[in-house]
């Protein structure tokens, strides 16, 4: 990924404004984070203003990452249950990225911006070995993965808990996005999220690491 990418004029202009109002923020394209040889790629939507856009790490610094990192830790993909800027957290056999690498206004990327950024996601997916899993958090991420693999969305409809067999020996898993809205309204519960991760663990051929996240 180009850390200085400016191919989307609206996003580049917005990041300039953010850097002026928040000079201590990362406020640049947010690179993927995690194990370069991972068999699980988690794909989100885009950096949040006070989360990844601030810290430079996907799903770190705001509410959206709370359930994700707790669940990654419980199932043995993360060394910590909470991700914070400049900590020593490491992901194990897992990598996290976004369909759109730059912060969009109102957290709503335009379709053209998703398409423009899709080349980066395509390269990330091409680096996965056969037998790997891809977890799409939400419809936009789901469709971005399909576009990157040149698959028709109509043949692989999004649905929480849905599983799709894709070319290249990849398996796509769907989940509602772990946003504040979805978790607080109970559209996505911890039990629902963990059910998806149990399926992923079974597919990857390793038992879940049921490490307690309390305390």
C-alpha atoms as a PDB file:
ATOM      1  CA  UNK A   1       0.000   0.000   0.000  1.00  0.00           C
ATOM      2  CA  UNK A   2       1.198   3.512  -0.851  1.00  0.00           C
ATOM      3  CA  UNK A   3       1.347   5.424   2.471  1.00  0.00           C
ATOM      4  CA  UNK A   4       1.043   8.699   0.553  1.00  0.00           C
ATOM      5  CA  UNK A   5      -1.756   7.636  -1.796  1.00  0.00           C
ATOM      6  CA  UNK A   6      -3.836  10.595  -3.005  1.00  0.00           C
ATOM      7  CA  UNK A   7      -5.847   8.986  -5.810  1.00  0.00           C
ATOM      8  CA  UNK A   8      -9.197  10.010  -4.300  1.00  0.00           C
ATOM      9  CA  UNK A   9      -9.424  13.848  -4.346  1.00  0.00           C
ATOM     10  CA  UNK A  10     -12.306  14.052  -1.865  1.00  0.00           C
ATOM     11  CA  UNK A  11     -10.539  11.853   0.687  1.00  0.00           C
ATOM     12  CA  UNK A  12      -7.156  13.535   0.229  1.00  0.00           C
ATOM     13  CA  UNK A  13      -8.717  16.954   0.708  1.00  0.00           C
ATOM     14  CA  UNK A  14     -10.563  15.804   3.807  1.00  0.00           C
ATOM     15  CA  UNK A  15      -7.369  14.404   5.336  1.00  0.00           C
ATOM     16  CA  UNK A  16      -5.660  17.770   4.812  1.00  0.00           C
ATOM     17  CA  UNK A  17      -8.465  19.391   6.803  1.00  0.00           C
ATOM     18  CA  UNK A  18      -8.162  16.759   9.543  1.00  0.00           C
ATOM     19  CA  UNK A  19      -4.404  17.247   9.846  1.00  0.00           C
ATOM     20  CA  UNK A  20      -4.980  20.965  10.304  1.00  0.00           C
ATOM     21  CA  UNK A  21      -7.576  20.492  13.028  1.00  0.00           C
ATOM     22  CA  UNK A  22      -5.848  17.483  14.636  1.00  0.00           C
ATOM     23  CA  UNK A  23      -2.089  17.858  14.018  1.00  0.00           C
ATOM     24  CA  UNK A  24      -1.266  14.935  16.319  1.00  0.00           C
ATOM     25  CA  UNK A  25      -3.431  12.479  14.349  1.00  0.00           C
ATOM     26  CA  UNK A  26      -2.084   9.933  11.855  1.00  0.00           C
ATOM     27  CA  UNK A  27      -4.487  11.392   9.241  1.00  0.00           C
ATOM     28  CA  UNK A  28      -3.041   9.452   6.294  1.00  0.00           C
ATOM     29  CA  UNK A  29      -3.923   6.167   4.589  1.00  0.00           C
ATOM     30  CA  UNK A  30      -4.016   3.495   7.299  1.00  0.00           C
ATOM     31  CA  UNK A  31      -1.933   0.440   6.386  1.00  0.00           C
ATOM     32  CA  UNK A  32      -2.922  -3.153   7.168  1.00  0.00           C
ATOM     33  CA  UNK A  33      -1.842  -4.466  10.553  1.00  0.00           C
ATOM     34  CA  UNK A  34      -0.779  -7.939  11.622  1.00  0.00           C
ATOM     35  CA  UNK A  35       0.933 -11.118  10.530  1.00  0.00           C
ATOM     36  CA  UNK A  36       2.217 -10.878   6.946  1.00  0.00           C
ATOM     37  CA  UNK A  37       1.805 -14.661   6.567  1.00  0.00           C
ATOM     38  CA  UNK A  38      -1.659 -14.768   8.127  1.00  0.00           C
ATOM     39  CA  UNK A  39      -4.327 -17.245   7.084  1.00  0.00           C
ATOM     40  CA  UNK A  40      -7.088 -14.916   8.300  1.00  0.00           C
ATOM     41  CA  UNK A  41      -7.637 -11.508   6.716  1.00  0.00           C
ATOM     42  CA  UNK A  42     -10.211  -9.306   8.455  1.00  0.00           C
ATOM     43  CA  UNK A  43     -11.646  -6.618   6.165  1.00  0.00           C
ATOM     44  CA  UNK A  44     -13.421  -3.603   7.637  1.00  0.00           C
ATOM     45  CA  UNK A  45     -14.976  -0.554   6.034  1.00  0.00           C
ATOM     46  CA  UNK A  46     -12.675   2.457   6.564  1.00  0.00           C
ATOM     47  CA  UNK A  47     -10.716   4.211   9.341  1.00  0.00           C
ATOM     48  CA  UNK A  48     -12.772   6.055  11.963  1.00  0.00           C
ATOM     49  CA  UNK A  49     -12.056   9.725  12.653  1.00  0.00           C
ATOM     50  CA  UNK A  50     -10.908   9.274  16.245  1.00  0.00           C
ATOM     51  CA  UNK A  51      -9.918   5.612  15.866  1.00  0.00           C
ATOM     52  CA  UNK A  52      -7.600   4.291  13.168  1.00  0.00           C
ATOM     53  CA  UNK A  53      -7.327   7.737  11.585  1.00  0.00           C
ATOM     54  CA  UNK A  54      -5.890   8.946  14.895  1.00  0.00           C
ATOM     55  CA  UNK A  55      -3.737   5.968  15.848  1.00  0.00           C
ATOM     56  CA  UNK A  56      -2.679   4.618  12.448  1.00  0.00           C
ATOM     57  CA  UNK A  57      -3.805   1.071  13.334  1.00  0.00           C
ATOM     58  CA  UNK A  58      -7.053  -0.499  12.066  1.00  0.00           C
ATOM     59  CA  UNK A  59      -9.862  -0.687  14.634  1.00  0.00           C
ATOM     60  CA  UNK A  60      -7.759   0.985  17.322  1.00  0.00           C
ATOM     61  CA  UNK A  61      -8.794   3.947  19.437  1.00  0.00           C
ATOM     62  CA  UNK A  62     -12.575   3.905  19.188  1.00  0.00           C
ATOM     63  CA  UNK A  63     -15.568   1.737  20.025  1.00  0.00           C
ATOM     64  CA  UNK A  64     -15.498  -0.291  16.801  1.00  0.00           C
ATOM     65  CA  UNK A  65     -12.403  -2.205  17.851  1.00  0.00           C
ATOM     66  CA  UNK A  66     -13.539  -3.263  21.321  1.00  0.00           C
ATOM     67  CA  UNK A  67     -15.466  -6.397  20.353  1.00  0.00           C
ATOM     68  CA  UNK A  68     -13.095  -7.231  17.503  1.00  0.00           C
ATOM     69  CA  UNK A  69      -9.902  -7.353  19.565  1.00  0.00           C
ATOM     70  CA  UNK A  70     -11.605  -9.077  22.500  1.00  0.00           C
ATOM     71  CA  UNK A  71     -12.784 -11.814  20.144  1.00  0.00           C
ATOM     72  CA  UNK A  72      -9.462 -12.070  18.327  1.00  0.00           C
ATOM     73  CA  UNK A  73      -7.792 -12.566  21.712  1.00  0.00           C
ATOM     74  CA  UNK A  74     -10.314 -15.153  22.858  1.00  0.00           C
ATOM     75  CA  UNK A  75      -9.772 -17.224  19.722  1.00  0.00           C
ATOM     76  CA  UNK A  76      -6.002 -17.010  19.794  1.00  0.00           C
ATOM     77  CA  UNK A  77      -5.424 -14.459  17.030  1.00  0.00           C
ATOM     78  CA  UNK A  78      -4.189 -11.602  19.233  1.00  0.00           C
ATOM     79  CA  UNK A  79      -1.741 -11.283  22.114  1.00  0.00           C
ATOM     80  CA  UNK A  80      -3.991  -8.757  23.876  1.00  0.00           C
ATOM     81  CA  UNK A  81      -7.726  -8.223  24.314  1.00  0.00           C
ATOM     82  CA  UNK A  82      -7.441  -4.444  23.827  1.00  0.00           C
ATOM     83  CA  UNK A  83      -5.598  -2.518  21.132  1.00  0.00           C
ATOM     84  CA  UNK A  84      -4.043   0.830  22.041  1.00  0.00           C
ATOM     85  CA  UNK A  85      -1.727   3.183  20.219  1.00  0.00           C
ATOM     86  CA  UNK A  86       1.967   2.262  20.603  1.00  0.00           C
ATOM     87  CA  UNK A  87       1.335  -0.908  22.638  1.00  0.00           C
ATOM     88  CA  UNK A  88       3.092  -4.214  21.968  1.00  0.00           C
ATOM     89  CA  UNK A  89       0.025  -6.078  20.724  1.00  0.00           C
ATOM     90  CA  UNK A  90       0.759  -8.691  18.072  1.00  0.00           C
ATOM     91  CA  UNK A  91      -1.646 -10.535  15.819  1.00  0.00           C
ATOM     92  CA  UNK A  92      -1.034 -14.235  15.295  1.00  0.00           C
ATOM     93  CA  UNK A  93      -2.064 -15.789  11.965  1.00  0.00           C
ATOM     94  CA  UNK A  94      -4.304 -12.750  11.412  1.00  0.00           C
ATOM     95  CA  UNK A  95      -4.123  -9.482   9.524  1.00  0.00           C
ATOM     96  CA  UNK A  96      -6.577  -6.561   9.596  1.00  0.00           C
ATOM     97  CA  UNK A  97      -7.245  -4.149   6.756  1.00  0.00           C
ATOM     98  CA  UNK A  98     -10.017  -1.931   5.383  1.00  0.00           C
ATOM     99  CA  UNK A  99     -11.853  -1.755   2.076  1.00  0.00           C
ATOM    100  CA  UNK A 100     -11.001   1.970   2.010  1.00  0.00           C
ATOM    101  CA  UNK A 101      -7.686   2.965   3.553  1.00  0.00           C
ATOM    102  CA  UNK A 102      -8.462   6.674   4.118  1.00  0.00           C
ATOM    103  CA  UNK A 103     -10.944   8.347   6.446  1.00  0.00           C
ATOM    104  CA  UNK A 104     -14.119   9.311   4.543  1.00  0.00           C
ATOM    105  CA  UNK A 105     -16.380  12.205   5.589  1.00  0.00           C
ATOM    106  CA  UNK A 106     -19.209  10.972   7.834  1.00  0.00           C
ATOM    107  CA  UNK A 107     -17.532   7.549   7.616  1.00  0.00           C
ATOM    108  CA  UNK A 108     -19.260   7.022   4.256  1.00  0.00           C
ATOM    109  CA  UNK A 109     -16.955   6.317   1.314  1.00  0.00           C
ATOM    110  CA  UNK A 110     -18.362   6.883  -2.149  1.00  0.00           C
ATOM    111  CA  UNK A 111     -18.624   3.873  -4.481  1.00  0.00           C
ATOM    112  CA  UNK A 112     -15.915   5.348  -6.711  1.00  0.00           C
ATOM    113  CA  UNK A 113     -13.565   5.529  -3.704  1.00  0.00           C
ATOM    114  CA  UNK A 114     -14.211   1.898  -2.817  1.00  0.00           C
ATOM    115  CA  UNK A 115     -13.424   0.962  -6.413  1.00  0.00           C
ATOM    116  CA  UNK A 116     -10.272   3.107  -6.479  1.00  0.00           C
ATOM    117  CA  UNK A 117      -8.937   1.489  -3.309  1.00  0.00           C
ATOM    118  CA  UNK A 118      -9.872  -2.010  -4.467  1.00  0.00           C
ATOM    119  CA  UNK A 119      -6.501  -2.557  -6.144  1.00  0.00           C
ATOM    120  CA  UNK A 120      -4.826  -2.521  -2.735  1.00  0.00           C
ATOM    121  CA  UNK A 121      -7.275  -5.076  -1.366  1.00  0.00           C
ATOM    122  CA  UNK A 122      -6.782  -7.226  -4.458  1.00  0.00           C
ATOM    123  CA  UNK A 123      -3.048  -7.387  -3.806  1.00  0.00           C
ATOM    124  CA  UNK A 124      -3.643  -8.261  -0.157  1.00  0.00           C
ATOM    125  CA  UNK A 125      -5.961 -11.099  -1.120  1.00  0.00           C
ATOM    126  CA  UNK A 126      -3.546 -12.395  -3.746  1.00  0.00           C
ATOM    127  CA  UNK A 127      -0.963 -12.858  -1.006  1.00  0.00           C
ATOM    128  CA  UNK A 128      -3.127 -15.318   0.920  1.00  0.00           C
ATOM    129  CA  UNK A 129      -2.356 -18.998   0.548  1.00  0.00           C
ATOM    130  CA  UNK A 130      -5.013 -21.517  -0.412  1.00  0.00           C
ATOM    131  CA  UNK A 131      -7.003 -22.576   2.632  1.00  0.00           C
ATOM    132  CA  UNK A 132      -7.064 -19.066   4.105  1.00  0.00           C
ATOM    133  CA  UNK A 133     -10.141 -17.310   5.486  1.00  0.00           C
ATOM    134  CA  UNK A 134     -11.398 -13.797   4.822  1.00  0.00           C
ATOM    135  CA  UNK A 135     -13.781 -12.130   7.274  1.00  0.00           C
ATOM    136  CA  UNK A 136     -15.855  -9.273   5.815  1.00  0.00           C
ATOM    137  CA  UNK A 137     -17.261  -6.892   8.409  1.00  0.00           C
ATOM    138  CA  UNK A 138     -20.352  -5.490   6.737  1.00  0.00           C
ATOM    139  CA  UNK A 139     -21.812  -5.304   3.251  1.00  0.00           C
ATOM    140  CA  UNK A 140     -19.336  -2.815   1.781  1.00  0.00           C
ATOM    141  CA  UNK A 141     -16.371  -4.928   2.868  1.00  0.00           C
ATOM    142  CA  UNK A 142     -18.117  -8.039   1.549  1.00  0.00           C
ATOM    143  CA  UNK A 143     -18.690  -6.480  -1.861  1.00  0.00           C
ATOM    144  CA  UNK A 144     -15.151  -5.074  -1.953  1.00  0.00           C
ATOM    145  CA  UNK A 145     -13.707  -8.558  -1.406  1.00  0.00           C
ATOM    146  CA  UNK A 146     -15.869  -9.965  -4.197  1.00  0.00           C
ATOM    147  CA  UNK A 147     -14.866  -7.150  -6.548  1.00  0.00           C
ATOM    148  CA  UNK A 148     -11.191  -7.696  -5.773  1.00  0.00           C
ATOM    149  CA  UNK A 149     -11.601 -11.363  -6.695  1.00  0.00           C
ATOM    150  CA  UNK A 150     -13.726 -10.531  -9.769  1.00  0.00           C
ATOM    151  CA  UNK A 151     -16.772 -12.308  -8.391  1.00  0.00           C
ATOM    152  CA  UNK A 152     -20.395 -11.298  -8.935  1.00  0.00           C
ATOM    153  CA  UNK A 153     -22.095 -10.068  -5.778  1.00  0.00           C
ATOM    154  CA  UNK A 154     -25.380 -11.668  -6.850  1.00  0.00           C
ATOM    155  CA  UNK A 155     -23.860 -15.130  -6.571  1.00  0.00           C
ATOM    156  CA  UNK A 156     -22.605 -14.472  -3.034  1.00  0.00           C
ATOM    157  CA  UNK A 157     -25.262 -12.515  -1.085  1.00  0.00           C
ATOM    158  CA  UNK A 158     -24.184 -10.940   2.178  1.00  0.00           C
ATOM    159  CA  UNK A 159     -25.649 -12.247   5.415  1.00  0.00           C
ATOM    160  CA  UNK A 160     -24.377 -12.471   8.957  1.00  0.00           C
ATOM    161  CA  UNK A 161     -22.880 -15.924   9.425  1.00  0.00           C
ATOM    162  CA  UNK A 162     -22.891 -16.660   5.688  1.00  0.00           C
ATOM    163  CA  UNK A 163     -19.918 -18.562   4.236  1.00  0.00           C
ATOM    164  CA  UNK A 164     -18.801 -18.377   0.609  1.00  0.00           C
ATOM    165  CA  UNK A 165     -16.360 -20.645  -1.221  1.00  0.00           C
ATOM    166  CA  UNK A 166     -14.239 -18.394  -3.465  1.00  0.00           C
ATOM    167  CA  UNK A 167     -11.547 -18.919  -6.122  1.00  0.00           C
ATOM    168  CA  UNK A 168      -7.967 -19.419  -5.049  1.00  0.00           C
ATOM    169  CA  UNK A 169      -8.921 -21.720  -2.205  1.00  0.00           C
ATOM    170  CA  UNK A 170     -10.291 -18.868  -0.069  1.00  0.00           C
ATOM    171  CA  UNK A 171     -13.338 -18.976   2.177  1.00  0.00           C
ATOM    172  CA  UNK A 172     -15.269 -15.756   2.808  1.00  0.00           C
ATOM    173  CA  UNK A 173     -17.097 -15.324   6.115  1.00  0.00           C
ATOM    174  CA  UNK A 174     -19.641 -12.554   6.681  1.00  0.00           C
ATOM    175  CA  UNK A 175     -20.440 -10.647   9.853  1.00  0.00           C
ATOM    176  CA  UNK A 176     -22.284  -7.491  10.685  1.00  0.00           C
ATOM    177  CA  UNK A 177     -19.788  -4.702  11.341  1.00  0.00           C
ATOM    178  CA  UNK A 178     -18.721  -4.396  14.979  1.00  0.00           C
ATOM    179  CA  UNK A 179     -19.649  -0.705  15.093  1.00  0.00           C
ATOM    180  CA  UNK A 180     -20.974   1.100  18.144  1.00  0.00           C
ATOM    181  CA  UNK A 181     -24.434   1.263  16.581  1.00  0.00           C
ATOM    182  CA  UNK A 182     -24.595  -2.459  15.823  1.00  0.00           C
ATOM    183  CA  UNK A 183     -23.299  -3.590  19.208  1.00  0.00           C
ATOM    184  CA  UNK A 184     -25.372  -1.157  21.278  1.00  0.00           C
ATOM    185  CA  UNK A 185     -28.590  -1.968  19.414  1.00  0.00           C
ATOM    186  CA  UNK A 186     -27.795  -5.695  19.748  1.00  0.00           C
ATOM    187  CA  UNK A 187     -27.902  -6.167  16.002  1.00  0.00           C
ATOM    188  CA  UNK A 188     -24.520  -7.781  16.624  1.00  0.00           C
ATOM    189  CA  UNK A 189     -23.994  -9.509  19.963  1.00  0.00           C
ATOM    190  CA  UNK A 190     -20.768 -11.053  21.274  1.00  0.00           C
ATOM    191  CA  UNK A 191     -22.372 -14.483  20.884  1.00  0.00           C
ATOM    192  CA  UNK A 192     -23.165 -13.810  17.222  1.00  0.00           C
ATOM    193  CA  UNK A 193     -19.650 -12.563  16.565  1.00  0.00           C
ATOM    194  CA  UNK A 194     -18.033 -15.510  18.332  1.00  0.00           C
ATOM    195  CA  UNK A 195     -20.123 -17.937  16.297  1.00  0.00           C
ATOM    196  CA  UNK A 196     -18.446 -16.617  13.143  1.00  0.00           C
ATOM    197  CA  UNK A 197     -15.012 -16.986  14.705  1.00  0.00           C
ATOM    198  CA  UNK A 198     -15.768 -20.556  15.760  1.00  0.00           C
ATOM    199  CA  UNK A 199     -16.547 -21.344  12.131  1.00  0.00           C
ATOM    200  CA  UNK A 200     -13.298 -19.729  11.047  1.00  0.00           C
ATOM    201  CA  UNK A 201     -11.277 -21.658  13.622  1.00  0.00           C
ATOM    202  CA  UNK A 202     -12.857 -24.923  12.527  1.00  0.00           C
ATOM    203  CA  UNK A 203     -12.058 -24.127   8.900  1.00  0.00           C
ATOM    204  CA  UNK A 204      -8.453 -23.283   9.700  1.00  0.00           C
ATOM    205  CA  UNK A 205      -8.158 -26.611  11.466  1.00  0.00           C
ATOM    206  CA  UNK A 206      -7.189 -25.437  14.921  1.00  0.00           C
ATOM    207  CA  UNK A 207      -9.141 -25.485  18.167  1.00  0.00           C
ATOM    208  CA  UNK A 208     -10.277 -22.167  19.675  1.00  0.00           C
ATOM    209  CA  UNK A 209      -8.042 -20.622  22.323  1.00  0.00           C
ATOM    210  CA  UNK A 210     -10.646 -19.919  25.005  1.00  0.00           C
ATOM    211  CA  UNK A 211      -8.544 -17.438  26.939  1.00  0.00           C
ATOM    212  CA  UNK A 212     -10.500 -15.398  29.459  1.00  0.00           C
ATOM    213  CA  UNK A 213     -10.875 -11.712  28.582  1.00  0.00           C
ATOM    214  CA  UNK A 214     -11.911 -10.646  32.075  1.00  0.00           C
ATOM    215  CA  UNK A 215      -9.782  -8.533  34.339  1.00  0.00           C
END
